């Protein structure tokens, strides 16, 4: 019973480790402005 629980926990921890090993993007701390406009035209 304990082995099954630990195998599940191991898989979760491996996923977390993979995520933490991804290098940080230098643009993560920068702000962004997004402008959304209505589309025109069509058929």
N, C-alpha and C. Protein backbone atom coordinates (compact mmCIF):
# COMPACT_ATOMS: atom_id res chain seq x y z
N UNK A 1 0.83 -1.18 0.00
CA UNK A 1 0.00 0.00 0.00
C UNK A 1 0.89 1.27 0.00
N UNK A 2 1.91 1.25 0.81
CA UNK A 2 2.80 2.41 0.90
C UNK A 2 3.57 2.60 -0.40
N UNK A 3 3.93 1.50 -1.05
CA UNK A 3 4.68 1.58 -2.31
C UNK A 3 3.87 2.30 -3.39
N UNK A 4 2.59 2.00 -3.50
CA UNK A 4 1.74 2.65 -4.50
C UNK A 4 1.65 4.16 -4.23
N UNK A 5 1.50 4.50 -2.97
CA UNK A 5 1.41 5.91 -2.59
C UNK A 5 2.70 6.66 -2.92
N UNK A 6 3.83 6.02 -2.64
CA UNK A 6 5.12 6.66 -2.91
C UNK A 6 5.39 6.78 -4.40
N UNK A 7 4.95 5.82 -5.20
CA UNK A 7 5.15 5.89 -6.65
C UNK A 7 4.36 7.06 -7.23
N UNK A 8 3.16 7.28 -6.71
CA UNK A 8 2.35 8.40 -7.16
C UNK A 8 3.03 9.72 -6.78
N UNK A 9 3.52 9.79 -5.57
CA UNK A 9 4.20 11.00 -5.10
C UNK A 9 5.47 11.24 -5.90
N UNK A 10 6.17 10.17 -6.27
CA UNK A 10 7.40 10.29 -7.05
C UNK A 10 7.11 10.91 -8.41
N UNK A 11 6.04 10.48 -9.06
CA UNK A 11 5.68 11.02 -10.36
C UNK A 11 5.36 12.52 -10.26
N UNK A 12 4.63 12.90 -9.21
CA UNK A 12 4.30 14.31 -9.02
C UNK A 12 5.56 15.15 -8.79
N UNK A 13 6.47 14.64 -7.98
CA UNK A 13 7.71 15.37 -7.70
C UNK A 13 8.59 15.49 -8.94
N UNK A 14 8.62 14.45 -9.77
CA UNK A 14 9.41 14.52 -11.00
C UNK A 14 8.88 15.62 -11.92
N UNK A 15 7.56 15.77 -12.01
CA UNK A 15 6.97 16.82 -12.83
C UNK A 15 7.34 18.20 -12.29
N UNK A 16 7.30 18.36 -10.97
CA UNK A 16 7.66 19.64 -10.37
C UNK A 16 9.13 19.97 -10.64
N UNK A 17 9.99 18.97 -10.56
CA UNK A 17 11.42 19.18 -10.79
C UNK A 17 11.66 19.60 -12.24
N UNK A 18 10.98 18.95 -13.19
CA UNK A 18 11.13 19.31 -14.60
C UNK A 18 10.73 20.77 -14.82
N UNK A 19 9.64 21.20 -14.17
CA UNK A 19 9.19 22.57 -14.32
C UNK A 19 10.22 23.55 -13.74
N UNK A 20 10.81 23.21 -12.61
CA UNK A 20 11.78 24.09 -11.97
C UNK A 20 13.09 24.19 -12.74
N UNK A 21 13.39 23.20 -13.57
CA UNK A 21 14.64 23.21 -14.33
C UNK A 21 14.55 24.06 -15.59
N UNK A 22 13.35 24.50 -15.98
CA UNK A 22 13.19 25.33 -17.16
C UNK A 22 13.78 26.71 -16.85
N UNK A 23 14.66 27.22 -17.70
CA UNK A 23 15.26 28.53 -17.42
C UNK A 23 14.22 29.64 -17.46
N UNK A 24 14.43 30.66 -16.65
CA UNK A 24 13.50 31.79 -16.60
C UNK A 24 13.66 32.66 -17.84
N UNK A 25 12.54 33.18 -18.30
CA UNK A 25 12.53 34.09 -19.45
C UNK A 25 12.88 35.49 -18.96
N UNK A 26 13.83 36.16 -19.59
CA UNK A 26 14.20 37.51 -19.12
C UNK A 26 13.06 38.51 -19.27
N UNK A 27 12.05 38.22 -20.06
CA UNK A 27 10.92 39.12 -20.25
C UNK A 27 9.80 38.90 -19.24
N UNK A 28 9.95 37.97 -18.33
CA UNK A 28 8.90 37.66 -17.35
C UNK A 28 8.57 38.85 -16.44
N UNK A 29 9.53 39.70 -16.17
CA UNK A 29 9.29 40.80 -15.24
C UNK A 29 8.81 42.07 -15.93
N UNK A 30 8.74 42.07 -17.25
CA UNK A 30 8.32 43.26 -17.99
C UNK A 30 6.80 43.31 -18.11
N UNK A 31 6.28 44.53 -18.21
CA UNK A 31 4.85 44.74 -18.40
C UNK A 31 4.51 44.68 -19.88
N UNK A 32 3.24 44.45 -20.15
CA UNK A 32 2.78 44.36 -21.53
C UNK A 32 1.44 45.08 -21.66
N UNK A 33 1.21 45.70 -22.79
CA UNK A 33 -0.07 46.34 -23.07
C UNK A 33 -0.68 45.62 -24.27
N UNK A 34 -1.91 45.17 -24.12
CA UNK A 34 -2.60 44.47 -25.20
C UNK A 34 -3.81 45.30 -25.59
N UNK A 35 -3.93 45.60 -26.88
CA UNK A 35 -5.07 46.36 -27.38
C UNK A 35 -5.95 45.43 -28.20
N UNK A 36 -7.23 45.36 -27.84
CA UNK A 36 -8.17 44.51 -28.56
C UNK A 36 -9.16 45.41 -29.27
N UNK A 37 -9.26 45.22 -30.59
CA UNK A 37 -10.16 46.04 -31.40
C UNK A 37 -11.16 45.13 -32.12
N UNK A 38 -12.30 45.74 -32.41
CA UNK A 38 -13.31 45.01 -33.18
C UNK A 38 -12.83 44.84 -34.61
N UNK A 39 -13.11 43.68 -35.18
CA UNK A 39 -12.71 43.42 -36.55
C UNK A 39 -13.67 44.07 -37.55
N UNK A 40 -13.16 44.36 -38.74
CA UNK A 40 -14.01 44.94 -39.79
C UNK A 40 -13.87 44.08 -41.03
N UNK A 41 -14.83 44.21 -41.90
CA UNK A 41 -14.77 43.48 -43.16
C UNK A 41 -15.60 42.22 -43.09
N UNK A 42 -15.26 41.27 -43.89
CA UNK A 42 -16.01 40.02 -43.95
C UNK A 42 -16.58 39.81 -45.34
N UNK A 43 -17.38 38.80 -45.44
CA UNK A 43 -17.97 38.47 -46.75
C UNK A 43 -19.28 39.17 -46.97
